[in-house]
Amino acid sequence: MPSSHRVDYEVDEHVAFIRMNRPPVNAIDHAMIDAIHAGYRDADSDPEVRAIVLTSALPAMFCGGMDLRMTRDGDVQALRAFVDKFYMRTMDLQYAMTKPTVVAVNGPARGAGMTLAVTSDVVLVADDVDLGYPEIDVGVIPAIHFVHLPRQIGRHKAFELLFGGKPIPAAEAAVLGIVNSAVPRAELMQRATQMAQLFASKSPVIMALARRSFMRANDLDYRRNVENQIETLCNVFQTDDSLEGLSAFLEKRAPRWQAQ
């Protein structure tokens, strides 16, 4: 896969590196997620690739989330098409892949950036960044994370993080088990590459069979539950308060909630 105007792609020593590159914040739109998906598919089909690293080419940002400019016209069907592609296709790709994915979070991750991280196999985070689920503050919901996060850290702590909207320091995210570990920034890519190379050193046949078995064993109606959350998210998009929250964010002002 050649690099595109949204991602940079290279293969080195059996590891494919997919680097998001859409300044200023790697906001996810159709072209961006299409490019990431293409990188995953090409890496998975390339016999020279045995592991994948997803990271950002931007030094100070991993991913700021969905490009909220797509919400301006209020076209719910268009938004449904996007969230279905982003959530379901990303999840289905990761479910079916035969090679492990390591995500190296080298800057803040919000919303959709968190989704890209947690749908992977291993998440390493620079220890000076923070993560978060700010959707509640802009009048939407973090969909897949209602399914994923309680399974990771328990219902009550997950509720606090998902409904509070506050940033989560990298060290706390590691202690809670949201990510594998928080590492010094200068060591992040080295550690991610070493992890990918560790996986790449295994038998590719056994890795493929084992990963598929692991994904099936941990499904537990995950996909169906995410589909339900997408339906709720699309209903949320149709409320006045959601439109207000998204408009307020784009206009850089405080939202004026109408309880509608």
C-alpha atoms as a PDB file:
ATOM      1  CA  MET A   1       0.000   0.000   0.000  1.00  0.00           C
ATOM      2  CA  PRO A   2       1.486   3.390  -0.955  1.00  0.00           C
ATOM      3  CA  SER A   3       1.216   6.256   1.507  1.00  0.00           C
ATOM      4  CA  SER A   4      -1.880   8.424   1.011  1.00  0.00           C
ATOM      5  CA  HIS A   5      -2.828  11.980   1.916  1.00  0.00           C
ATOM      6  CA  ARG A   6      -4.250  10.602   5.187  1.00  0.00           C
ATOM      7  CA  VAL A   7      -1.779   7.927   6.313  1.00  0.00           C
ATOM      8  CA  ASP A   8       1.864   6.984   5.823  1.00  0.00           C
ATOM      9  CA  TYR A   9       2.574   3.284   5.334  1.00  0.00           C
ATOM     10  CA  GLU A  10       5.811   1.322   5.387  1.00  0.00           C
ATOM     11  CA  VAL A  11       7.035  -2.192   6.124  1.00  0.00           C
ATOM     12  CA  ASP A  12      10.263  -2.840   8.000  1.00  0.00           C
ATOM     13  CA  GLU A  13      11.499  -6.216   9.241  1.00  0.00           C
ATOM     14  CA  HIS A  14       8.089  -7.910   8.973  1.00  0.00           C
ATOM     15  CA  VAL A  15       6.284  -5.051  10.765  1.00  0.00           C
ATOM     16  CA  ALA A  16       3.854  -2.744   8.941  1.00  0.00           C
ATOM     17  CA  PHE A  17       3.742   0.804  10.289  1.00  0.00           C
ATOM     18  CA  ILE A  18       0.547   2.782   9.691  1.00  0.00           C
ATOM     19  CA  ARG A  19       0.982   6.433  10.698  1.00  0.00           C
ATOM     20  CA  MET A  20      -2.034   8.720  10.682  1.00  0.00           C
ATOM     21  CA  ASN A  21      -1.103  12.023   9.060  1.00  0.00           C
ATOM     22  CA  ARG A  22      -3.920  14.520   8.851  1.00  0.00           C
ATOM     23  CA  PRO A  23      -2.914  17.751  10.619  1.00  0.00           C
ATOM     24  CA  PRO A  24      -3.739  19.318  12.920  1.00  0.00           C
ATOM     25  CA  VAL A  25      -5.392  16.565  15.019  1.00  0.00           C
ATOM     26  CA  ASN A  26      -5.897  13.501  12.780  1.00  0.00           C
ATOM     27  CA  ALA A  27      -9.666  14.044  12.835  1.00  0.00           C
ATOM     28  CA  ILE A  28     -11.428  10.964  11.463  1.00  0.00           C
ATOM     29  CA  ASP A  29     -13.515  11.441   8.326  1.00  0.00           C
ATOM     30  CA  HIS A  30     -14.479   8.993   5.581  1.00  0.00           C
ATOM     31  CA  ALA A  31     -11.174   9.311   3.726  1.00  0.00           C
ATOM     32  CA  MET A  32      -9.163   8.889   6.923  1.00  0.00           C
ATOM     33  CA  ILE A  33     -10.877   5.717   8.108  1.00  0.00           C
ATOM     34  CA  ASP A  34     -10.834   4.328   4.544  1.00  0.00           C
ATOM     35  CA  ALA A  35      -7.054   4.826   4.472  1.00  0.00           C
ATOM     36  CA  ILE A  36      -6.583   3.168   7.870  1.00  0.00           C
ATOM     37  CA  HIS A  37      -8.751   0.234   6.824  1.00  0.00           C
ATOM     38  CA  ALA A  38      -6.773  -0.096   3.580  1.00  0.00           C
ATOM     39  CA  GLY A  39      -3.568  -0.191   5.596  1.00  0.00           C
ATOM     40  CA  TYR A  40      -4.932  -2.951   7.808  1.00  0.00           C
ATOM     41  CA  ARG A  41      -6.139  -5.000   4.834  1.00  0.00           C
ATOM     42  CA  ASP A  42      -2.888  -4.628   2.916  1.00  0.00           C
ATOM     43  CA  ALA A  43      -0.796  -5.539   5.950  1.00  0.00           C
ATOM     44  CA  ASP A  44      -2.946  -8.564   6.690  1.00  0.00           C
ATOM     45  CA  SER A  45      -2.697  -9.840   3.109  1.00  0.00           C
ATOM     46  CA  ASP A  46       1.059  -9.221   2.756  1.00  0.00           C
ATOM     47  CA  PRO A  47       3.015 -12.421   3.519  1.00  0.00           C
ATOM     48  CA  GLU A  48       6.049 -10.289   4.448  1.00  0.00           C
ATOM     49  CA  VAL A  49       4.099  -8.631   7.276  1.00  0.00           C
ATOM     50  CA  ARG A  50       3.663 -10.476  10.560  1.00  0.00           C
ATOM     51  CA  ALA A  51       2.594  -7.646  12.892  1.00  0.00           C
ATOM     52  CA  ILE A  52       1.222  -4.106  12.634  1.00  0.00           C
ATOM     53  CA  VAL A  53       1.897  -0.854  14.484  1.00  0.00           C
ATOM     54  CA  LEU A  54      -0.649   1.979  14.279  1.00  0.00           C
ATOM     55  CA  THR A  55       0.507   5.400  15.461  1.00  0.00           C
ATOM     56  CA  SER A  56       0.462   9.074  14.486  1.00  0.00           C
ATOM     57  CA  ALA A  57       2.897  10.971  12.288  1.00  0.00           C
ATOM     58  CA  LEU A  58       2.008  14.125  14.245  1.00  0.00           C
ATOM     59  CA  PRO A  59       4.376  14.618  17.197  1.00  0.00           C
ATOM     60  CA  ALA A  60       1.837  16.161  19.571  1.00  0.00           C
ATOM     61  CA  MET A  61      -1.442  14.394  18.716  1.00  0.00           C
ATOM     62  CA  PHE A  62      -2.580  10.810  18.277  1.00  0.00           C
ATOM     63  CA  CYS A  63      -6.195  11.434  17.274  1.00  0.00           C
ATOM     64  CA  GLY A  64      -8.649  14.127  18.305  1.00  0.00           C
ATOM     65  CA  GLY A  65     -11.699  12.053  17.359  1.00  0.00           C
ATOM     66  CA  MET A  66     -14.341  12.215  14.669  1.00  0.00           C
ATOM     67  CA  ASP A  67     -14.284  15.217  12.332  1.00  0.00           C
ATOM     68  CA  LEU A  68     -17.349  16.950  13.761  1.00  0.00           C
ATOM     69  CA  ARG A  69     -17.668  19.175  10.708  1.00  0.00           C
ATOM     70  CA  MET A  70     -19.479  16.200   9.164  1.00  0.00           C
ATOM     71  CA  THR A  71     -22.380  16.892  11.553  1.00  0.00           C
ATOM     72  CA  ARG A  72     -23.061  20.458  10.404  1.00  0.00           C
ATOM     73  CA  ASP A  73     -25.911  19.704   8.000  1.00  0.00           C
ATOM     74  CA  GLY A  74     -27.711  17.387  10.438  1.00  0.00           C
ATOM     75  CA  ASP A  75     -27.998  14.551   7.873  1.00  0.00           C
ATOM     76  CA  VAL A  76     -28.658  11.607  10.178  1.00  0.00           C
ATOM     77  CA  GLN A  77     -28.480   9.027   7.387  1.00  0.00           C
ATOM     78  CA  ALA A  78     -25.045  10.269   6.352  1.00  0.00           C
ATOM     79  CA  LEU A  79     -23.910  10.152   9.971  1.00  0.00           C
ATOM     80  CA  ARG A  80     -25.316   6.634  10.330  1.00  0.00           C
ATOM     81  CA  ALA A  81     -23.307   5.534   7.288  1.00  0.00           C
ATOM     82  CA  PHE A  82     -20.157   7.001   8.800  1.00  0.00           C
ATOM     83  CA  VAL A  83     -20.536   5.554  12.296  1.00  0.00           C
ATOM     84  CA  ASP A  84     -21.429   2.155  10.847  1.00  0.00           C
ATOM     85  CA  LYS A  85     -18.259   2.240   8.743  1.00  0.00           C
ATOM     86  CA  PHE A  86     -16.115   3.529  11.578  1.00  0.00           C
ATOM     87  CA  TYR A  87     -17.340   1.254  14.353  1.00  0.00           C
ATOM     88  CA  MET A  88     -18.521  -1.897  12.607  1.00  0.00           C
ATOM     89  CA  ARG A  89     -15.987  -2.150   9.785  1.00  0.00           C
ATOM     90  CA  THR A  90     -13.107  -1.311  12.100  1.00  0.00           C
ATOM     91  CA  MET A  91     -14.273  -3.927  14.580  1.00  0.00           C
ATOM     92  CA  ASP A  92     -14.944  -6.524  11.879  1.00  0.00           C
ATOM     93  CA  LEU A  93     -11.531  -5.937  10.323  1.00  0.00           C
ATOM     94  CA  GLN A  94      -9.795  -6.385  13.653  1.00  0.00           C
ATOM     95  CA  TYR A  95     -11.899  -9.453  14.404  1.00  0.00           C
ATOM     96  CA  ALA A  96     -10.938 -11.142  11.139  1.00  0.00           C
ATOM     97  CA  MET A  97      -7.281 -10.168  10.923  1.00  0.00           C
ATOM     98  CA  THR A  98      -4.625 -12.846  11.246  1.00  0.00           C
ATOM     99  CA  LYS A  99      -1.890 -10.537  12.513  1.00  0.00           C
ATOM    100  CA  PRO A 100      -1.642  -8.653  15.808  1.00  0.00           C
ATOM    101  CA  THR A 101      -1.944  -4.874  16.001  1.00  0.00           C
ATOM    102  CA  VAL A 102       0.028  -2.742  18.448  1.00  0.00           C
ATOM    103  CA  VAL A 103      -1.124   0.860  18.890  1.00  0.00           C
ATOM    104  CA  ALA A 104       1.432   3.461  19.990  1.00  0.00           C
ATOM    105  CA  VAL A 105      -0.428   6.480  21.377  1.00  0.00           C
ATOM    106  CA  ASN A 106       2.072   9.322  21.077  1.00  0.00           C
ATOM    107  CA  GLY A 107      -0.316  12.173  21.842  1.00  0.00           C
ATOM    108  CA  PRO A 108      -3.774  12.880  23.248  1.00  0.00           C
ATOM    109  CA  ALA A 109      -6.496  10.458  22.147  1.00  0.00           C
ATOM    110  CA  ARG A 110     -10.164  11.399  22.255  1.00  0.00           C
ATOM    111  CA  GLY A 111     -13.378   9.732  21.125  1.00  0.00           C
ATOM    112  CA  ALA A 112     -12.707   7.976  17.843  1.00  0.00           C
ATOM    113  CA  GLY A 113      -9.007   7.943  18.695  1.00  0.00           C
ATOM    114  CA  MET A 114      -9.813   5.849  21.736  1.00  0.00           C
ATOM    115  CA  THR A 115     -11.820   3.503  19.518  1.00  0.00           C
ATOM    116  CA  LEU A 116      -8.844   2.967  17.213  1.00  0.00           C
ATOM    117  CA  ALA A 117      -6.739   2.171  20.269  1.00  0.00           C
ATOM    118  CA  VAL A 118      -9.040  -0.218  22.109  1.00  0.00           C
ATOM    119  CA  THR A 119     -10.051  -2.236  19.042  1.00  0.00           C
ATOM    120  CA  SER A 120      -6.394  -3.276  18.680  1.00  0.00           C
ATOM    121  CA  ASP A 121      -4.546  -6.026  20.551  1.00  0.00           C
ATOM    122  CA  VAL A 122      -1.966  -4.057  22.551  1.00  0.00           C
ATOM    123  CA  VAL A 123      -2.004  -0.361  23.509  1.00  0.00           C
ATOM    124  CA  LEU A 124       1.144   1.485  24.588  1.00  0.00           C
ATOM    125  CA  VAL A 125       0.877   5.142  25.602  1.00  0.00           C
ATOM    126  CA  ALA A 126       3.449   7.893  26.074  1.00  0.00           C
ATOM    127  CA  ASP A 127       3.464   8.709  29.779  1.00  0.00           C
ATOM    128  CA  ASP A 128       2.997  12.459  29.269  1.00  0.00           C
ATOM    129  CA  VAL A 129      -0.305  12.297  27.361  1.00  0.00           C
ATOM    130  CA  ASP A 130      -3.904  11.909  28.421  1.00  0.00           C
ATOM    131  CA  LEU A 131      -6.839  10.004  27.006  1.00  0.00           C
ATOM    132  CA  GLY A 132     -10.535  10.640  27.219  1.00  0.00           C
ATOM    133  CA  TYR A 133     -14.162  10.205  26.322  1.00  0.00           C
ATOM    134  CA  PRO A 134     -15.435  13.802  25.858  1.00  0.00           C
ATOM    135  CA  GLU A 135     -18.513  12.857  23.817  1.00  0.00           C
ATOM    136  CA  ILE A 136     -20.955  13.607  26.636  1.00  0.00           C
ATOM    137  CA  ASP A 137     -19.773  17.235  26.651  1.00  0.00           C
ATOM    138  CA  VAL A 138     -20.660  17.774  22.988  1.00  0.00           C
ATOM    139  CA  GLY A 139     -24.064  16.094  23.081  1.00  0.00           C
ATOM    140  CA  VAL A 140     -23.248  12.601  21.806  1.00  0.00           C
ATOM    141  CA  ILE A 141     -22.334   9.244  23.365  1.00  0.00           C
ATOM    142  CA  PRO A 142     -19.153   7.137  23.175  1.00  0.00           C
ATOM    143  CA  ALA A 143     -21.052   4.167  21.669  1.00  0.00           C
ATOM    144  CA  ILE A 144     -18.597   1.250  21.504  1.00  0.00           C
ATOM    145  CA  HIS A 145     -17.030   2.265  24.812  1.00  0.00           C
ATOM    146  CA  PHE A 146     -20.318   1.608  26.646  1.00  0.00           C
ATOM    147  CA  VAL A 147     -19.699  -2.016  25.659  1.00  0.00           C
ATOM    148  CA  HIS A 148     -15.921  -2.172  25.919  1.00  0.00           C
ATOM    149  CA  LEU A 149     -14.927  -0.152  28.978  1.00  0.00           C
ATOM    150  CA  PRO A 150     -17.097  -1.827  31.671  1.00  0.00           C
ATOM    151  CA  ARG A 151     -15.632  -5.180  30.608  1.00  0.00           C
ATOM    152  CA  GLN A 152     -12.144  -3.755  31.048  1.00  0.00           C
ATOM    153  CA  ILE A 153     -12.391  -1.849  34.321  1.00  0.00           C
ATOM    154  CA  GLY A 154     -15.810  -2.559  35.853  1.00  0.00           C
ATOM    155  CA  ARG A 155     -19.179  -0.856  35.568  1.00  0.00           C
ATOM    156  CA  HIS A 156     -18.831   1.858  38.204  1.00  0.00           C
ATOM    157  CA  LYS A 157     -15.438   3.249  37.219  1.00  0.00           C
ATOM    158  CA  ALA A 158     -16.429   3.041  33.554  1.00  0.00           C
ATOM    159  CA  PHE A 159     -19.552   5.082  34.278  1.00  0.00           C
ATOM    160  CA  GLU A 160     -17.477   7.777  35.974  1.00  0.00           C
ATOM    161  CA  LEU A 161     -15.115   8.102  33.010  1.00  0.00           C
ATOM    162  CA  LEU A 162     -17.726   7.859  30.245  1.00  0.00           C
ATOM    163  CA  PHE A 163     -20.250  10.217  31.814  1.00  0.00           C
ATOM    164  CA  GLY A 164     -17.795  12.635  33.422  1.00  0.00           C
ATOM    165  CA  GLY A 165     -15.890  13.430  30.252  1.00  0.00           C
ATOM    166  CA  LYS A 166     -12.668  14.291  32.093  1.00  0.00           C
ATOM    167  CA  PRO A 167      -9.209  13.524  30.640  1.00  0.00           C
ATOM    168  CA  ILE A 168      -7.468  10.405  31.961  1.00  0.00           C
ATOM    169  CA  PRO A 169      -3.693  10.626  32.539  1.00  0.00           C
ATOM    170  CA  ALA A 170      -1.688   7.877  30.845  1.00  0.00           C
ATOM    171  CA  ALA A 171      -0.441   6.443  34.137  1.00  0.00           C
ATOM    172  CA  GLU A 172      -3.990   6.119  35.485  1.00  0.00           C
ATOM    173  CA  ALA A 173      -5.171   4.507  32.244  1.00  0.00           C
ATOM    174  CA  ALA A 174      -2.421   1.909  32.617  1.00  0.00           C
ATOM    175  CA  VAL A 175      -3.252   1.195  36.271  1.00  0.00           C
ATOM    176  CA  LEU A 176      -6.942   0.784  35.397  1.00  0.00           C
ATOM    177  CA  GLY A 177      -6.126  -1.584  32.534  1.00  0.00           C
ATOM    178  CA  ILE A 178      -7.472   0.633  29.747  1.00  0.00           C
ATOM    179  CA  VAL A 179      -4.032   0.406  28.119  1.00  0.00           C
ATOM    180  CA  ASN A 180      -1.162  -2.046  28.541  1.00  0.00           C
ATOM    181  CA  SER A 181       1.388   0.425  29.824  1.00  0.00           C
ATOM    182  CA  ALA A 182       2.510   4.048  29.917  1.00  0.00           C
ATOM    183  CA  VAL A 183       6.126   4.426  28.830  1.00  0.00           C
ATOM    184  CA  PRO A 184       8.541   7.360  28.526  1.00  0.00           C
ATOM    185  CA  ARG A 185       7.854   9.260  25.311  1.00  0.00           C
ATOM    186  CA  ALA A 186      11.405   8.780  24.051  1.00  0.00           C
ATOM    187  CA  GLU A 187      10.971   5.012  24.319  1.00  0.00           C
ATOM    188  CA  LEU A 188       7.440   4.674  22.935  1.00  0.00           C
ATOM    189  CA  MET A 189       8.159   3.728  19.331  1.00  0.00           C
ATOM    190  CA  GLN A 190      11.053   1.501  20.326  1.00  0.00           C
ATOM    191  CA  ARG A 191       8.835  -0.361  22.788  1.00  0.00           C
ATOM    192  CA  ALA A 192       5.987  -0.637  20.278  1.00  0.00           C
ATOM    193  CA  THR A 193       8.355  -1.935  17.614  1.00  0.00           C
ATOM    194  CA  GLN A 194       9.875  -4.442  20.024  1.00  0.00           C
ATOM    195  CA  MET A 195       6.411  -5.679  20.956  1.00  0.00           C
ATOM    196  CA  ALA A 196       5.464  -6.048  17.292  1.00  0.00           C
ATOM    197  CA  GLN A 197       8.732  -7.839  16.539  1.00  0.00           C
ATOM    198  CA  LEU A 198       8.098 -10.209  19.440  1.00  0.00           C
ATOM    199  CA  PHE A 199       4.789 -11.190  17.849  1.00  0.00           C
ATOM    200  CA  ALA A 200       6.414 -11.309  14.404  1.00  0.00           C
ATOM    201  CA  SER A 201       8.936 -13.855  15.673  1.00  0.00           C
ATOM    202  CA  LYS A 202       6.196 -16.441  16.240  1.00  0.00           C
ATOM    203  CA  SER A 203       4.932 -18.911  13.673  1.00  0.00           C
ATOM    204  CA  PRO A 204       2.608 -16.927  11.367  1.00  0.00           C
ATOM    205  CA  VAL A 205       0.383 -19.981  10.926  1.00  0.00           C
ATOM    206  CA  ILE A 206      -0.013 -20.532  14.660  1.00  0.00           C
ATOM    207  CA  MET A 207      -0.431 -16.790  15.269  1.00  0.00           C
ATOM    208  CA  ALA A 208      -3.265 -16.607  12.734  1.00  0.00           C
ATOM    209  CA  LEU A 209      -5.090 -19.623  14.154  1.00  0.00           C
ATOM    210  CA  ALA A 210      -4.517 -18.542  17.748  1.00  0.00           C
ATOM    211  CA  ARG A 211      -5.636 -14.956  17.186  1.00  0.00           C
ATOM    212  CA  ARG A 212      -8.852 -16.058  15.502  1.00  0.00           C
ATOM    213  CA  SER A 213      -9.540 -18.427  18.385  1.00  0.00           C
ATOM    214  CA  PHE A 214      -8.802 -15.671  20.916  1.00  0.00           C
ATOM    215  CA  MET A 215     -11.177 -13.251  19.183  1.00  0.00           C
ATOM    216  CA  ARG A 216     -13.987 -15.824  19.083  1.00  0.00           C
ATOM    217  CA  ALA A 217     -13.454 -16.722  22.738  1.00  0.00           C
ATOM    218  CA  ASN A 218     -13.783 -13.087  23.798  1.00  0.00           C
ATOM    219  CA  ASP A 219     -16.666 -12.043  21.552  1.00  0.00           C
ATOM    220  CA  LEU A 220     -19.475 -12.568  24.113  1.00  0.00           C
ATOM    221  CA  ASP A 221     -22.111 -10.822  21.954  1.00  0.00           C
ATOM    222  CA  TYR A 222     -19.745  -7.853  21.625  1.00  0.00           C
ATOM    223  CA  ARG A 223     -20.729  -7.098  18.031  1.00  0.00           C
ATOM    224  CA  ARG A 224     -24.470  -7.204  18.683  1.00  0.00           C
ATOM    225  CA  ASN A 225     -24.088  -4.909  21.677  1.00  0.00           C
ATOM    226  CA  VAL A 226     -22.063  -2.411  19.636  1.00  0.00           C
ATOM    227  CA  GLU A 227     -24.768  -2.438  16.953  1.00  0.00           C
ATOM    228  CA  ASN A 228     -27.286  -1.508  19.645  1.00  0.00           C
ATOM    229  CA  GLN A 229     -25.079   1.398  20.726  1.00  0.00           C
ATOM    230  CA  ILE A 230     -24.832   2.667  17.155  1.00  0.00           C
ATOM    231  CA  GLU A 231     -28.632   2.712  16.973  1.00  0.00           C
ATOM    232  CA  THR A 232     -28.759   4.759  20.167  1.00  0.00           C
ATOM    233  CA  LEU A 233     -26.068   7.114  18.875  1.00  0.00           C
ATOM    234  CA  CYS A 234     -28.061   7.754  15.696  1.00  0.00           C
ATOM    235  CA  ASN A 235     -31.119   8.563  17.827  1.00  0.00           C
ATOM    236  CA  VAL A 236     -28.996  10.934  19.912  1.00  0.00           C
ATOM    237  CA  PHE A 237     -27.876  12.746  16.753  1.00  0.00           C
ATOM    238  CA  GLN A 238     -31.529  13.669  16.103  1.00  0.00           C
ATOM    239  CA  THR A 239     -32.035  15.515  19.398  1.00  0.00           C
ATOM    240  CA  ASP A 240     -31.868  19.293  19.693  1.00  0.00           C
ATOM    241  CA  ASP A 241     -29.319  19.058  22.481  1.00  0.00           C
ATOM    242  CA  SER A 242     -26.989  16.981  20.338  1.00  0.00           C
ATOM    243  CA  LEU A 243     -27.168  19.522  17.534  1.00  0.00           C
ATOM    244  CA  GLU A 244     -26.532  22.282  20.075  1.00  0.00           C
ATOM    245  CA  GLY A 245     -23.588  20.489  21.649  1.00  0.00           C
ATOM    246  CA  LEU A 246     -21.928  19.811  18.306  1.00  0.00           C
ATOM    247  CA  SER A 247     -22.548  23.381  17.118  1.00  0.00           C
ATOM    248  CA  ALA A 248     -21.156  24.800  20.350  1.00  0.00           C
ATOM    249  CA  PHE A 249     -17.993  22.753  19.975  1.00  0.00           C
ATOM    250  CA  LEU A 250     -17.436  23.908  16.404  1.00  0.00           C
ATOM    251  CA  GLU A 251     -18.159  27.523  17.391  1.00  0.00           C
ATOM    252  CA  LYS A 252     -15.871  27.274  20.457  1.00  0.00           C
ATOM    253  CA  ARG A 253     -18.530  28.278  22.992  1.00  0.00           C
ATOM    254  CA  ALA A 254     -20.336  26.711  25.923  1.00  0.00           C
ATOM    255  CA  PRO A 255     -23.451  24.697  24.944  1.00  0.00           C
ATOM    256  CA  ARG A 256     -26.900  25.985  25.891  1.00  0.00           C
ATOM    257  CA  TRP A 257     -28.763  22.780  26.732  1.00  0.00           C
ATOM    258  CA  GLN A 258     -32.520  22.811  26.050  1.00  0.00           C
ATOM    259  CA  ALA A 259     -33.343  19.346  27.467  1.00  0.00           C
ATOM    260  CA  GLN A 260     -34.808  18.355  24.096  1.00  0.00           C
END
